[in-house]
Amino acid sequence: MKSFHSTRSVHLPDDYTVRPPEPRDGSAIFELLSAYDTAVNGFADCTLDQVAEAIVEPGLDRGTDGWLVLADDGRPAGYATAFGKGDRKVVDVEVVSQYPMVADWLLEQALRRGREMGREHGHAEITVDVYIHRSDEPQRARLSDHGFTVGTTYHRMRIDHTGDLADPAVPEGVVVRRGTLDAATRWAAHEVIIDSFRGQFGFVPRPHDEWVVALETQASFDWSQLTLLEVDGRAIAVRVCNDGFVERENCGHIGMLGVLEEFRGRGLATYLLRDAFALDATNGRAGTILHVDTNNPSRALALYLSVGMKPTLILDGWRRVLPTT
């Protein structure tokens, strides 16, 4: 019988140790996440670069907001983070472990830290979001037991390319700016993202400098993959792509696509989609991938289906509102 050292409601056996994750742990954590994903989905749904980037995510204090549980042989048995967004009223939590006791303990630590962040910023309550694959039955049961409910559902959408595609016609009166590196363009693009995504599930605007650093930290992104649409000198739509799915599926990835509400219904999003498809096909990509909130008020799912994209994977956003006291 193992002895226990924790005074919390869920205890870790003495032969586990806990410390903050460090950049040097990237490969080991990647192996942990890959094994978990493979058990759940039959494939690893991450890359080593993505794991390494998450460990150094701007705005994440690894010392207080990350936990790496190690077995007695030094191998990771669990990993978790609590990422406070903006003023920390919304906290994203990630918990990964194939061992129920470790996963339960990590979830408790993340929720405790989330409440601390909320108190530190003067909030009476916080919203905690956890994003998981629909097929992850153990985590679904765990979240349900902790009072979480499904707040929204995401589809991973994909369209396949079998050859070169014609460039779509630019909508009348629209100027296309690609990959410009000046600070003013980056600022304008970020403002379009904030305005077009405001009110959507889990979206909290990032400080501009943090947003820039977060993009530049990604090995799969460079500024040439940002496309901005303007009308009369005003930025009105943006698309941010990356190579996050090239390694796994040889596909381009549309990370964000936003159109200001007053300019919707003019074919701008359709243009940005078809333009991305043409670019990916020219670059020899097998397809293009994006994720969509099926409850998106802009009816984005219907748009993506209309241009030939199909759902390939389902993820759920689980949510719980917690008092900070």
C-alpha atoms as a PDB file:
ATOM      1  CA  MET A   1       0.000   0.000   0.000  1.00  0.00           C
ATOM      2  CA  LYS A   2       1.427   3.370  -1.035  1.00  0.00           C
ATOM      3  CA  SER A   3       1.663   6.174   1.467  1.00  0.00           C
ATOM      4  CA  PHE A   4       0.468   9.706   0.725  1.00  0.00           C
ATOM      5  CA  HIS A   5       2.023  13.097   1.354  1.00  0.00           C
ATOM      6  CA  SER A   6      -0.592  15.625   0.171  1.00  0.00           C
ATOM      7  CA  THR A   7      -3.126  17.263   2.452  1.00  0.00           C
ATOM      8  CA  ARG A   8      -5.518  17.994  -0.426  1.00  0.00           C
ATOM      9  CA  SER A   9      -8.669  16.022  -1.154  1.00  0.00           C
ATOM     10  CA  VAL A  10      -6.860  14.045  -3.858  1.00  0.00           C
ATOM     11  CA  HIS A  11      -3.428  12.733  -2.930  1.00  0.00           C
ATOM     12  CA  LEU A  12      -0.378  11.709  -4.908  1.00  0.00           C
ATOM     13  CA  PRO A  13       1.587   8.649  -3.773  1.00  0.00           C
ATOM     14  CA  ASP A  14       5.041   9.328  -2.346  1.00  0.00           C
ATOM     15  CA  ASP A  15       6.765   7.824  -5.364  1.00  0.00           C
ATOM     16  CA  TYR A  16       5.567  10.723  -7.544  1.00  0.00           C
ATOM     17  CA  THR A  17       7.303  14.091  -7.593  1.00  0.00           C
ATOM     18  CA  VAL A  18       5.948  17.377  -8.915  1.00  0.00           C
ATOM     19  CA  ARG A  19       7.746  20.391 -10.352  1.00  0.00           C
ATOM     20  CA  PRO A  20       7.039  23.154 -12.886  1.00  0.00           C
ATOM     21  CA  PRO A  21       7.561  22.195 -16.535  1.00  0.00           C
ATOM     22  CA  GLU A  22      10.670  23.566 -18.209  1.00  0.00           C
ATOM     23  CA  PRO A  23      11.607  23.996 -21.876  1.00  0.00           C
ATOM     24  CA  ARG A  24      13.970  21.034 -21.552  1.00  0.00           C
ATOM     25  CA  ASP A  25      10.925  18.838 -20.815  1.00  0.00           C
ATOM     26  CA  GLY A  26       9.419  19.360 -24.272  1.00  0.00           C
ATOM     27  CA  SER A  27      10.289  15.946 -25.703  1.00  0.00           C
ATOM     28  CA  ALA A  28       9.154  14.062 -22.616  1.00  0.00           C
ATOM     29  CA  ILE A  29       5.855  15.963 -22.421  1.00  0.00           C
ATOM     30  CA  PHE A  30       5.338  15.436 -26.152  1.00  0.00           C
ATOM     31  CA  GLU A  31       5.699  11.683 -25.617  1.00  0.00           C
ATOM     32  CA  LEU A  32       3.182  11.859 -22.762  1.00  0.00           C
ATOM     33  CA  LEU A  33       0.627  13.809 -24.820  1.00  0.00           C
ATOM     34  CA  SER A  34       1.176  11.654 -27.906  1.00  0.00           C
ATOM     35  CA  ALA A  35       0.592   8.459 -25.958  1.00  0.00           C
ATOM     36  CA  TYR A  36      -2.570   9.905 -24.428  1.00  0.00           C
ATOM     37  CA  ASP A  37      -3.930  11.131 -27.768  1.00  0.00           C
ATOM     38  CA  THR A  38      -3.135   7.810 -29.423  1.00  0.00           C
ATOM     39  CA  ALA A  39      -5.033   5.946 -26.701  1.00  0.00           C
ATOM     40  CA  VAL A  40      -8.028   8.258 -27.146  1.00  0.00           C
ATOM     41  CA  ASN A  41      -8.059   8.894 -30.909  1.00  0.00           C
ATOM     42  CA  GLY A  42      -5.668   6.415 -32.447  1.00  0.00           C
ATOM     43  CA  PHE A  43      -3.213   9.160 -33.447  1.00  0.00           C
ATOM     44  CA  ALA A  44      -1.080  11.871 -31.869  1.00  0.00           C
ATOM     45  CA  ASP A  45      -2.833  15.232 -32.211  1.00  0.00           C
ATOM     46  CA  CYS A  46       0.154  17.481 -31.514  1.00  0.00           C
ATOM     47  CA  THR A  47       3.717  18.100 -32.615  1.00  0.00           C
ATOM     48  CA  LEU A  48       6.905  18.522 -30.640  1.00  0.00           C
ATOM     49  CA  ASP A  49       7.106  22.169 -31.713  1.00  0.00           C
ATOM     50  CA  GLN A  50       3.585  22.853 -30.456  1.00  0.00           C
ATOM     51  CA  VAL A  51       4.328  21.295 -27.084  1.00  0.00           C
ATOM     52  CA  ALA A  52       7.585  23.242 -26.769  1.00  0.00           C
ATOM     53  CA  GLU A  53       5.781  26.473 -27.663  1.00  0.00           C
ATOM     54  CA  ALA A  54       3.036  25.854 -25.101  1.00  0.00           C
ATOM     55  CA  ILE A  55       5.624  25.523 -22.323  1.00  0.00           C
ATOM     56  CA  VAL A  56       6.929  29.035 -23.048  1.00  0.00           C
ATOM     57  CA  GLU A  57       3.555  30.564 -23.967  1.00  0.00           C
ATOM     58  CA  PRO A  58       3.586  34.316 -23.255  1.00  0.00           C
ATOM     59  CA  GLY A  59       1.403  35.003 -20.233  1.00  0.00           C
ATOM     60  CA  LEU A  60       1.988  31.573 -18.649  1.00  0.00           C
ATOM     61  CA  ASP A  61       3.979  31.607 -15.412  1.00  0.00           C
ATOM     62  CA  ARG A  62       5.381  28.079 -15.355  1.00  0.00           C
ATOM     63  CA  GLY A  63       6.368  28.392 -11.718  1.00  0.00           C
ATOM     64  CA  THR A  64       2.798  28.885 -10.505  1.00  0.00           C
ATOM     65  CA  ASP A  65       0.606  27.836 -13.445  1.00  0.00           C
ATOM     66  CA  GLY A  66       2.190  24.574 -14.608  1.00  0.00           C
ATOM     67  CA  TRP A  67       2.666  21.120 -13.085  1.00  0.00           C
ATOM     68  CA  LEU A  68       4.720  18.173 -14.301  1.00  0.00           C
ATOM     69  CA  VAL A  69       4.215  14.951 -12.357  1.00  0.00           C
ATOM     70  CA  LEU A  70       7.112  12.503 -12.567  1.00  0.00           C
ATOM     71  CA  ALA A  71       7.058   8.808 -11.723  1.00  0.00           C
ATOM     72  CA  ASP A  72       9.864   7.253  -9.683  1.00  0.00           C
ATOM     73  CA  ASP A  73      11.742   6.414 -12.901  1.00  0.00           C
ATOM     74  CA  GLY A  74      11.743  10.112 -13.856  1.00  0.00           C
ATOM     75  CA  ARG A  75       9.272   9.762 -16.712  1.00  0.00           C
ATOM     76  CA  PRO A  76       6.272  12.130 -16.885  1.00  0.00           C
ATOM     77  CA  ALA A  77       3.056  10.681 -15.495  1.00  0.00           C
ATOM     78  CA  GLY A  78       0.966  13.830 -15.892  1.00  0.00           C
ATOM     79  CA  TYR A  79       1.012  17.420 -17.078  1.00  0.00           C
ATOM     80  CA  ALA A  80      -1.280  20.382 -16.491  1.00  0.00           C
ATOM     81  CA  THR A  81      -1.478  24.132 -16.967  1.00  0.00           C
ATOM     82  CA  ALA A  82      -3.833  26.887 -15.848  1.00  0.00           C
ATOM     83  CA  PHE A  83      -3.616  29.743 -18.329  1.00  0.00           C
ATOM     84  CA  GLY A  84      -5.208  32.987 -17.175  1.00  0.00           C
ATOM     85  CA  LYS A  85      -6.534  35.121 -20.033  1.00  0.00           C
ATOM     86  CA  GLY A  86      -6.580  38.911 -19.990  1.00  0.00           C
ATOM     87  CA  ASP A  87      -7.609  40.065 -16.523  1.00  0.00           C
ATOM     88  CA  ARG A  88      -7.790  36.402 -15.382  1.00  0.00           C
ATOM     89  CA  LYS A  89     -11.576  36.224 -15.266  1.00  0.00           C
ATOM     90  CA  VAL A  90     -11.335  33.367 -17.780  1.00  0.00           C
ATOM     91  CA  VAL A  91      -8.849  30.551 -17.211  1.00  0.00           C
ATOM     92  CA  ASP A  92      -8.041  27.792 -19.718  1.00  0.00           C
ATOM     93  CA  VAL A  93      -7.071  24.510 -18.090  1.00  0.00           C
ATOM     94  CA  GLU A  94      -5.284  21.558 -19.671  1.00  0.00           C
ATOM     95  CA  VAL A  95      -4.861  18.259 -17.831  1.00  0.00           C
ATOM     96  CA  VAL A  96      -3.255  15.157 -19.334  1.00  0.00           C
ATOM     97  CA  SER A  97      -2.548  11.854 -17.602  1.00  0.00           C
ATOM     98  CA  GLN A  98      -3.461   8.257 -18.250  1.00  0.00           C
ATOM     99  CA  TYR A  99      -3.524   7.682 -14.480  1.00  0.00           C
ATOM    100  CA  PRO A 100      -6.876   8.683 -12.936  1.00  0.00           C
ATOM    101  CA  MET A 101      -5.407   9.624  -9.559  1.00  0.00           C
ATOM    102  CA  VAL A 102      -2.792  11.864 -11.174  1.00  0.00           C
ATOM    103  CA  ALA A 103      -5.349  13.474 -13.494  1.00  0.00           C
ATOM    104  CA  ASP A 104      -7.697  14.168 -10.560  1.00  0.00           C
ATOM    105  CA  TRP A 105      -4.889  15.740  -8.547  1.00  0.00           C
ATOM    106  CA  LEU A 106      -3.749  17.891 -11.446  1.00  0.00           C
ATOM    107  CA  LEU A 107      -7.270  19.136 -12.105  1.00  0.00           C
ATOM    108  CA  GLU A 108      -7.573  20.169  -8.458  1.00  0.00           C
ATOM    109  CA  GLN A 109      -4.286  22.085  -8.647  1.00  0.00           C
ATOM    110  CA  ALA A 110      -5.358  23.873 -11.814  1.00  0.00           C
ATOM    111  CA  LEU A 111      -8.748  24.847 -10.372  1.00  0.00           C
ATOM    112  CA  ARG A 112      -7.126  26.034  -7.151  1.00  0.00           C
ATOM    113  CA  ARG A 113      -4.681  28.164  -9.118  1.00  0.00           C
ATOM    114  CA  GLY A 114      -7.478  29.551 -11.260  1.00  0.00           C
ATOM    115  CA  ARG A 115      -9.339  30.709  -8.162  1.00  0.00           C
ATOM    116  CA  GLU A 116      -6.131  32.298  -6.863  1.00  0.00           C
ATOM    117  CA  MET A 117      -5.667  34.228 -10.086  1.00  0.00           C
ATOM    118  CA  GLY A 118      -9.252  35.408  -9.897  1.00  0.00           C
ATOM    119  CA  ARG A 119      -8.838  36.623  -6.325  1.00  0.00           C
ATOM    120  CA  GLU A 120      -5.576  38.376  -7.176  1.00  0.00           C
ATOM    121  CA  HIS A 121      -7.445  40.367  -9.840  1.00  0.00           C
ATOM    122  CA  GLY A 122     -10.434  41.166  -7.641  1.00  0.00           C
ATOM    123  CA  HIS A 123     -12.984  38.791  -9.180  1.00  0.00           C
ATOM    124  CA  ALA A 124     -15.718  37.145  -7.137  1.00  0.00           C
ATOM    125  CA  GLU A 125     -15.865  34.298  -9.647  1.00  0.00           C
ATOM    126  CA  ILE A 126     -13.999  32.962 -12.666  1.00  0.00           C
ATOM    127  CA  THR A 127     -14.894  30.962 -15.735  1.00  0.00           C
ATOM    128  CA  VAL A 128     -12.826  27.836 -16.325  1.00  0.00           C
ATOM    129  CA  ASP A 129     -12.695  26.327 -19.825  1.00  0.00           C
ATOM    130  CA  VAL A 130     -11.286  22.931 -20.780  1.00  0.00           C
ATOM    131  CA  TYR A 131     -11.037  21.792 -24.409  1.00  0.00           C
ATOM    132  CA  ILE A 132     -10.998  18.058 -25.110  1.00  0.00           C
ATOM    133  CA  HIS A 133     -11.660  15.569 -27.869  1.00  0.00           C
ATOM    134  CA  ARG A 134     -15.233  14.273 -27.945  1.00  0.00           C
ATOM    135  CA  SER A 135     -13.803  10.736 -27.860  1.00  0.00           C
ATOM    136  CA  ASP A 136     -11.983  11.327 -24.545  1.00  0.00           C
ATOM    137  CA  GLU A 137     -14.423   9.450 -22.316  1.00  0.00           C
ATOM    138  CA  PRO A 138     -12.273   9.451 -19.127  1.00  0.00           C
ATOM    139  CA  GLN A 139     -11.855  13.216 -19.266  1.00  0.00           C
ATOM    140  CA  ARG A 140     -15.519  13.763 -20.108  1.00  0.00           C
ATOM    141  CA  ALA A 141     -16.478  11.780 -17.005  1.00  0.00           C
ATOM    142  CA  ARG A 142     -13.916  13.637 -14.869  1.00  0.00           C
ATOM    143  CA  LEU A 143     -15.123  17.054 -15.941  1.00  0.00           C
ATOM    144  CA  SER A 144     -18.736  16.089 -15.417  1.00  0.00           C
ATOM    145  CA  ASP A 145     -17.921  14.857 -11.912  1.00  0.00           C
ATOM    146  CA  HIS A 146     -16.332  18.262 -11.195  1.00  0.00           C
ATOM    147  CA  GLY A 147     -19.407  20.205 -12.258  1.00  0.00           C
ATOM    148  CA  PHE A 148     -18.351  21.131 -15.796  1.00  0.00           C
ATOM    149  CA  THR A 149     -20.836  21.131 -18.655  1.00  0.00           C
ATOM    150  CA  VAL A 150     -20.325  21.350 -22.405  1.00  0.00           C
ATOM    151  CA  GLY A 151     -20.434  24.999 -23.428  1.00  0.00           C
ATOM    152  CA  THR A 152     -19.800  24.592 -27.146  1.00  0.00           C
ATOM    153  CA  THR A 153     -18.580  22.159 -29.779  1.00  0.00           C
ATOM    154  CA  TYR A 154     -15.838  22.589 -32.350  1.00  0.00           C
ATOM    155  CA  HIS A 155     -15.395  20.792 -35.644  1.00  0.00           C
ATOM    156  CA  ARG A 156     -12.047  20.347 -37.293  1.00  0.00           C
ATOM    157  CA  MET A 157     -12.808  21.056 -40.944  1.00  0.00           C
ATOM    158  CA  ARG A 158     -10.762  19.945 -43.942  1.00  0.00           C
ATOM    159  CA  ILE A 159     -10.853  20.308 -47.699  1.00  0.00           C
ATOM    160  CA  ASP A 160      -8.588  18.225 -49.957  1.00  0.00           C
ATOM    161  CA  HIS A 161      -6.674  19.609 -52.937  1.00  0.00           C
ATOM    162  CA  THR A 162      -5.908  17.419 -55.949  1.00  0.00           C
ATOM    163  CA  GLY A 163      -4.126  20.000 -58.087  1.00  0.00           C
ATOM    164  CA  ASP A 164      -3.598  23.702 -58.619  1.00  0.00           C
ATOM    165  CA  LEU A 165      -6.587  25.949 -57.978  1.00  0.00           C
ATOM    166  CA  ALA A 166      -7.424  29.194 -59.712  1.00  0.00           C
ATOM    167  CA  ASP A 167      -6.936  32.328 -57.654  1.00  0.00           C
ATOM    168  CA  PRO A 168     -10.320  33.747 -56.620  1.00  0.00           C
ATOM    169  CA  ALA A 169     -11.364  37.183 -57.831  1.00  0.00           C
ATOM    170  CA  VAL A 170     -10.719  39.928 -55.301  1.00  0.00           C
ATOM    171  CA  PRO A 171     -14.028  41.485 -54.198  1.00  0.00           C
ATOM    172  CA  GLU A 172     -14.668  44.887 -55.739  1.00  0.00           C
ATOM    173  CA  GLY A 173     -13.227  47.804 -53.797  1.00  0.00           C
ATOM    174  CA  VAL A 174     -11.061  45.559 -51.610  1.00  0.00           C
ATOM    175  CA  VAL A 175      -7.292  45.885 -51.258  1.00  0.00           C
ATOM    176  CA  VAL A 176      -5.361  42.757 -50.266  1.00  0.00           C
ATOM    177  CA  ARG A 177      -2.270  43.189 -48.108  1.00  0.00           C
ATOM    178  CA  ARG A 178      -0.129  40.114 -47.560  1.00  0.00           C
ATOM    179  CA  GLY A 179       2.553  39.590 -44.999  1.00  0.00           C
ATOM    180  CA  THR A 180       3.422  43.207 -44.386  1.00  0.00           C
ATOM    181  CA  LEU A 181       5.751  43.433 -41.432  1.00  0.00           C
ATOM    182  CA  ASP A 182       5.222  46.977 -40.206  1.00  0.00           C
ATOM    183  CA  ALA A 183       3.883  47.567 -36.709  1.00  0.00           C
ATOM    184  CA  ALA A 184       0.851  49.517 -37.933  1.00  0.00           C
ATOM    185  CA  THR A 185      -0.389  46.595 -40.031  1.00  0.00           C
ATOM    186  CA  ARG A 186       0.054  44.171 -37.163  1.00  0.00           C
ATOM    187  CA  TRP A 187      -1.880  46.491 -34.901  1.00  0.00           C
ATOM    188  CA  ALA A 188      -4.692  46.823 -37.457  1.00  0.00           C
ATOM    189  CA  ALA A 189      -4.875  43.045 -37.924  1.00  0.00           C
ATOM    190  CA  HIS A 190      -5.056  42.482 -34.186  1.00  0.00           C
ATOM    191  CA  GLU A 191      -7.847  45.039 -33.841  1.00  0.00           C
ATOM    192  CA  VAL A 192      -9.877  43.246 -36.528  1.00  0.00           C
ATOM    193  CA  ILE A 193      -9.417  39.958 -34.679  1.00  0.00           C
ATOM    194  CA  ILE A 194     -10.564  41.502 -31.403  1.00  0.00           C
ATOM    195  CA  ASP A 195     -13.620  43.160 -32.967  1.00  0.00           C
ATOM    196  CA  SER A 196     -14.680  40.164 -35.061  1.00  0.00           C
ATOM    197  CA  PHE A 197     -14.229  37.521 -32.347  1.00  0.00           C
ATOM    198  CA  ARG A 198     -15.645  39.538 -29.435  1.00  0.00           C
ATOM    199  CA  GLY A 199     -18.384  37.600 -27.629  1.00  0.00           C
ATOM    200  CA  GLN A 200     -17.406  34.183 -28.955  1.00  0.00           C
ATOM    201  CA  PHE A 201     -16.911  31.270 -26.571  1.00  0.00           C
ATOM    202  CA  GLY A 202     -13.664  31.556 -24.638  1.00  0.00           C
ATOM    203  CA  PHE A 203     -12.336  34.545 -26.545  1.00  0.00           C
ATOM    204  CA  VAL A 204     -10.487  37.107 -24.443  1.00  0.00           C
ATOM    205  CA  PRO A 205      -8.384  39.798 -26.168  1.00  0.00           C
ATOM    206  CA  ARG A 206      -4.658  39.480 -25.544  1.00  0.00           C
ATOM    207  CA  PRO A 207      -2.451  42.504 -24.942  1.00  0.00           C
ATOM    208  CA  HIS A 208      -1.041  43.462 -28.335  1.00  0.00           C
ATOM    209  CA  ASP A 209       2.606  42.846 -27.480  1.00  0.00           C
ATOM    210  CA  GLU A 210       1.731  39.443 -26.024  1.00  0.00           C
ATOM    211  CA  TRP A 211      -0.227  38.566 -29.190  1.00  0.00           C
ATOM    212  CA  VAL A 212       2.753  39.451 -31.367  1.00  0.00           C
ATOM    213  CA  VAL A 213       5.187  37.433 -29.236  1.00  0.00           C
ATOM    214  CA  ALA A 214       2.805  34.462 -29.150  1.00  0.00           C
ATOM    215  CA  LEU A 215       2.708  34.359 -32.948  1.00  0.00           C
ATOM    216  CA  GLU A 216       6.447  34.832 -33.314  1.00  0.00           C
ATOM    217  CA  THR A 217       7.082  32.023 -30.824  1.00  0.00           C
ATOM    218  CA  GLN A 218       5.390  29.552 -33.171  1.00  0.00           C
ATOM    219  CA  ALA A 219       7.859  27.718 -35.378  1.00  0.00           C
ATOM    220  CA  SER A 220       5.003  27.106 -37.835  1.00  0.00           C
ATOM    221  CA  PHE A 221       4.216  30.812 -38.358  1.00  0.00           C
ATOM    222  CA  ASP A 222       5.796  33.755 -40.084  1.00  0.00           C
ATOM    223  CA  TRP A 223       4.306  37.122 -40.950  1.00  0.00           C
ATOM    224  CA  SER A 224       4.051  36.264 -44.641  1.00  0.00           C
ATOM    225  CA  GLN A 225       1.084  34.090 -43.606  1.00  0.00           C
ATOM    226  CA  LEU A 226      -0.984  37.075 -42.468  1.00  0.00           C
ATOM    227  CA  THR A 227      -3.463  38.495 -44.989  1.00  0.00           C
ATOM    228  CA  LEU A 228      -5.385  41.713 -44.376  1.00  0.00           C
ATOM    229  CA  LEU A 229      -8.287  43.092 -46.395  1.00  0.00           C
ATOM    230  CA  GLU A 230      -8.883  46.830 -46.557  1.00  0.00           C
ATOM    231  CA  VAL A 231     -11.644  49.073 -47.870  1.00  0.00           C
ATOM    232  CA  ASP A 232     -10.861  52.768 -48.265  1.00  0.00           C
ATOM    233  CA  GLY A 233      -7.714  52.300 -46.176  1.00  0.00           C
ATOM    234  CA  ARG A 234      -9.579  50.650 -43.316  1.00  0.00           C
ATOM    235  CA  ALA A 235      -8.733  47.101 -42.184  1.00  0.00           C
ATOM    236  CA  ILE A 236     -11.951  45.074 -42.307  1.00  0.00           C
ATOM    237  CA  ALA A 237     -10.946  41.394 -42.471  1.00  0.00           C
ATOM    238  CA  VAL A 238      -7.963  39.249 -41.549  1.00  0.00           C
ATOM    239  CA  ARG A 239      -6.689  35.713 -42.034  1.00  0.00           C
ATOM    240  CA  VAL A 240      -3.816  34.215 -40.051  1.00  0.00           C
ATOM    241  CA  CYS A 241      -2.417  30.930 -41.359  1.00  0.00           C
ATOM    242  CA  ASN A 242       0.365  28.644 -40.170  1.00  0.00           C
ATOM    243  CA  ASP A 243       2.065  25.336 -40.947  1.00  0.00           C
ATOM    244  CA  GLY A 244       0.846  23.579 -37.803  1.00  0.00           C
ATOM    245  CA  PHE A 245      -0.645  20.674 -39.783  1.00  0.00           C
ATOM    246  CA  VAL A 246       2.066  20.289 -42.397  1.00  0.00           C
ATOM    247  CA  GLU A 247       4.054  17.749 -40.389  1.00  0.00           C
ATOM    248  CA  ARG A 248       1.050  15.587 -39.552  1.00  0.00           C
ATOM    249  CA  GLU A 249      -1.175  15.859 -42.631  1.00  0.00           C
ATOM    250  CA  ASN A 250       0.685  18.002 -45.192  1.00  0.00           C
ATOM    251  CA  CYS A 251      -2.130  20.540 -44.857  1.00  0.00           C
ATOM    252  CA  GLY A 252      -2.225  24.281 -44.504  1.00  0.00           C
ATOM    253  CA  HIS A 253      -3.959  25.621 -41.408  1.00  0.00           C
ATOM    254  CA  ILE A 254      -6.160  28.691 -41.100  1.00  0.00           C
ATOM    255  CA  GLY A 255      -5.639  29.618 -37.476  1.00  0.00           C
ATOM    256  CA  MET A 256      -7.946  32.655 -37.471  1.00  0.00           C
ATOM    257  CA  LEU A 257     -10.306  34.230 -39.975  1.00  0.00           C
ATOM    258  CA  GLY A 258     -12.348  37.263 -38.990  1.00  0.00           C
ATOM    259  CA  VAL A 259     -14.505  39.839 -40.744  1.00  0.00           C
ATOM    260  CA  LEU A 260     -15.899  42.927 -39.049  1.00  0.00           C
ATOM    261  CA  GLU A 261     -19.623  42.507 -38.494  1.00  0.00           C
ATOM    262  CA  GLU A 262     -20.652  45.470 -40.663  1.00  0.00           C
ATOM    263  CA  PHE A 263     -18.767  43.995 -43.637  1.00  0.00           C
ATOM    264  CA  ARG A 264     -20.159  40.457 -43.418  1.00  0.00           C
ATOM    265  CA  GLY A 265     -22.318  39.119 -46.212  1.00  0.00           C
ATOM    266  CA  ARG A 266     -20.102  40.625 -48.928  1.00  0.00           C
ATOM    267  CA  GLY A 267     -18.137  37.489 -49.781  1.00  0.00           C
ATOM    268  CA  LEU A 268     -14.982  38.514 -47.920  1.00  0.00           C
ATOM    269  CA  ALA A 269     -14.720  35.351 -45.820  1.00  0.00           C
ATOM    270  CA  THR A 270     -15.396  33.207 -48.900  1.00  0.00           C
ATOM    271  CA  TYR A 271     -12.615  35.038 -50.734  1.00  0.00           C
ATOM    272  CA  LEU A 272     -10.174  34.514 -47.850  1.00  0.00           C
ATOM    273  CA  LEU A 273     -11.024  30.812 -47.734  1.00  0.00           C
ATOM    274  CA  ARG A 274     -10.667  30.208 -51.458  1.00  0.00           C
ATOM    275  CA  ASP A 275      -7.502  32.282 -51.522  1.00  0.00           C
ATOM    276  CA  ALA A 276      -5.997  30.097 -48.780  1.00  0.00           C
ATOM    277  CA  PHE A 277      -7.030  26.957 -50.661  1.00  0.00           C
ATOM    278  CA  ALA A 278      -5.322  28.214 -53.827  1.00  0.00           C
ATOM    279  CA  LEU A 279      -2.133  29.125 -51.961  1.00  0.00           C
ATOM    280  CA  ASP A 280      -2.013  25.754 -50.209  1.00  0.00           C
ATOM    281  CA  ALA A 281      -2.603  23.867 -53.465  1.00  0.00           C
ATOM    282  CA  THR A 282       0.168  25.846 -55.170  1.00  0.00           C
ATOM    283  CA  ASN A 283       2.493  24.966 -52.287  1.00  0.00           C
ATOM    284  CA  GLY A 284       1.765  21.266 -52.731  1.00  0.00           C
ATOM    285  CA  ARG A 285      -0.410  20.877 -49.652  1.00  0.00           C
ATOM    286  CA  ALA A 286      -2.817  17.946 -49.599  1.00  0.00           C
ATOM    287  CA  GLY A 287      -5.529  20.125 -48.098  1.00  0.00           C
ATOM    288  CA  THR A 288      -6.478  22.983 -45.797  1.00  0.00           C
ATOM    289  CA  ILE A 289      -7.657  22.653 -42.177  1.00  0.00           C
ATOM    290  CA  LEU A 290      -9.393  24.982 -39.744  1.00  0.00           C
ATOM    291  CA  HIS A 291     -11.454  24.752 -36.560  1.00  0.00           C
ATOM    292  CA  VAL A 292     -14.918  26.208 -36.160  1.00  0.00           C
ATOM    293  CA  ASP A 293     -17.143  26.804 -33.163  1.00  0.00           C
ATOM    294  CA  THR A 294     -20.430  25.251 -34.283  1.00  0.00           C
ATOM    295  CA  ASN A 295     -22.275  27.853 -32.185  1.00  0.00           C
ATOM    296  CA  ASN A 296     -20.467  30.761 -33.828  1.00  0.00           C
ATOM    297  CA  PRO A 297     -23.038  33.575 -34.198  1.00  0.00           C
ATOM    298  CA  SER A 298     -21.674  34.433 -37.664  1.00  0.00           C
ATOM    299  CA  ARG A 299     -22.818  31.021 -38.983  1.00  0.00           C
ATOM    300  CA  ALA A 300     -19.250  30.175 -39.915  1.00  0.00           C
ATOM    301  CA  LEU A 301     -19.952  26.436 -40.036  1.00  0.00           C
ATOM    302  CA  ALA A 302     -22.467  26.894 -42.850  1.00  0.00           C
ATOM    303  CA  LEU A 303     -19.916  28.966 -44.758  1.00  0.00           C
ATOM    304  CA  TYR A 304     -17.191  26.346 -44.454  1.00  0.00           C
ATOM    305  CA  LEU A 305     -19.540  23.592 -45.565  1.00  0.00           C
ATOM    306  CA  SER A 306     -20.608  25.700 -48.546  1.00  0.00           C
ATOM    307  CA  VAL A 307     -17.036  25.912 -49.880  1.00  0.00           C
ATOM    308  CA  GLY A 308     -16.546  22.148 -49.660  1.00  0.00           C
ATOM    309  CA  MET A 309     -14.945  21.683 -46.257  1.00  0.00           C
ATOM    310  CA  LYS A 310     -15.966  18.639 -44.226  1.00  0.00           C
ATOM    311  CA  PRO A 311     -15.736  17.874 -40.489  1.00  0.00           C
ATOM    312  CA  THR A 312     -13.067  15.327 -39.560  1.00  0.00           C
ATOM    313  CA  LEU A 313     -12.879  15.601 -35.751  1.00  0.00           C
ATOM    314  CA  ILE A 314     -15.074  16.843 -32.915  1.00  0.00           C
ATOM    315  CA  LEU A 315     -13.840  18.689 -29.842  1.00  0.00           C
ATOM    316  CA  ASP A 316     -15.878  20.098 -26.975  1.00  0.00           C
ATOM    317  CA  GLY A 317     -15.354  23.156 -24.832  1.00  0.00           C
ATOM    318  CA  TRP A 318     -16.348  22.329 -21.253  1.00  0.00           C
ATOM    319  CA  ARG A 319     -17.058  25.158 -18.826  1.00  0.00           C
ATOM    320  CA  ARG A 320     -17.549  25.787 -15.129  1.00  0.00           C
ATOM    321  CA  VAL A 321     -18.018  29.022 -13.214  1.00  0.00           C
ATOM    322  CA  LEU A 322     -16.178  28.950  -9.886  1.00  0.00           C
ATOM    323  CA  PRO A 323     -16.333  31.298  -6.909  1.00  0.00           C
ATOM    324  CA  THR A 324     -12.889  32.555  -5.976  1.00  0.00           C
ATOM    325  CA  THR A 325     -13.501  32.298  -2.228  1.00  0.00           C
END
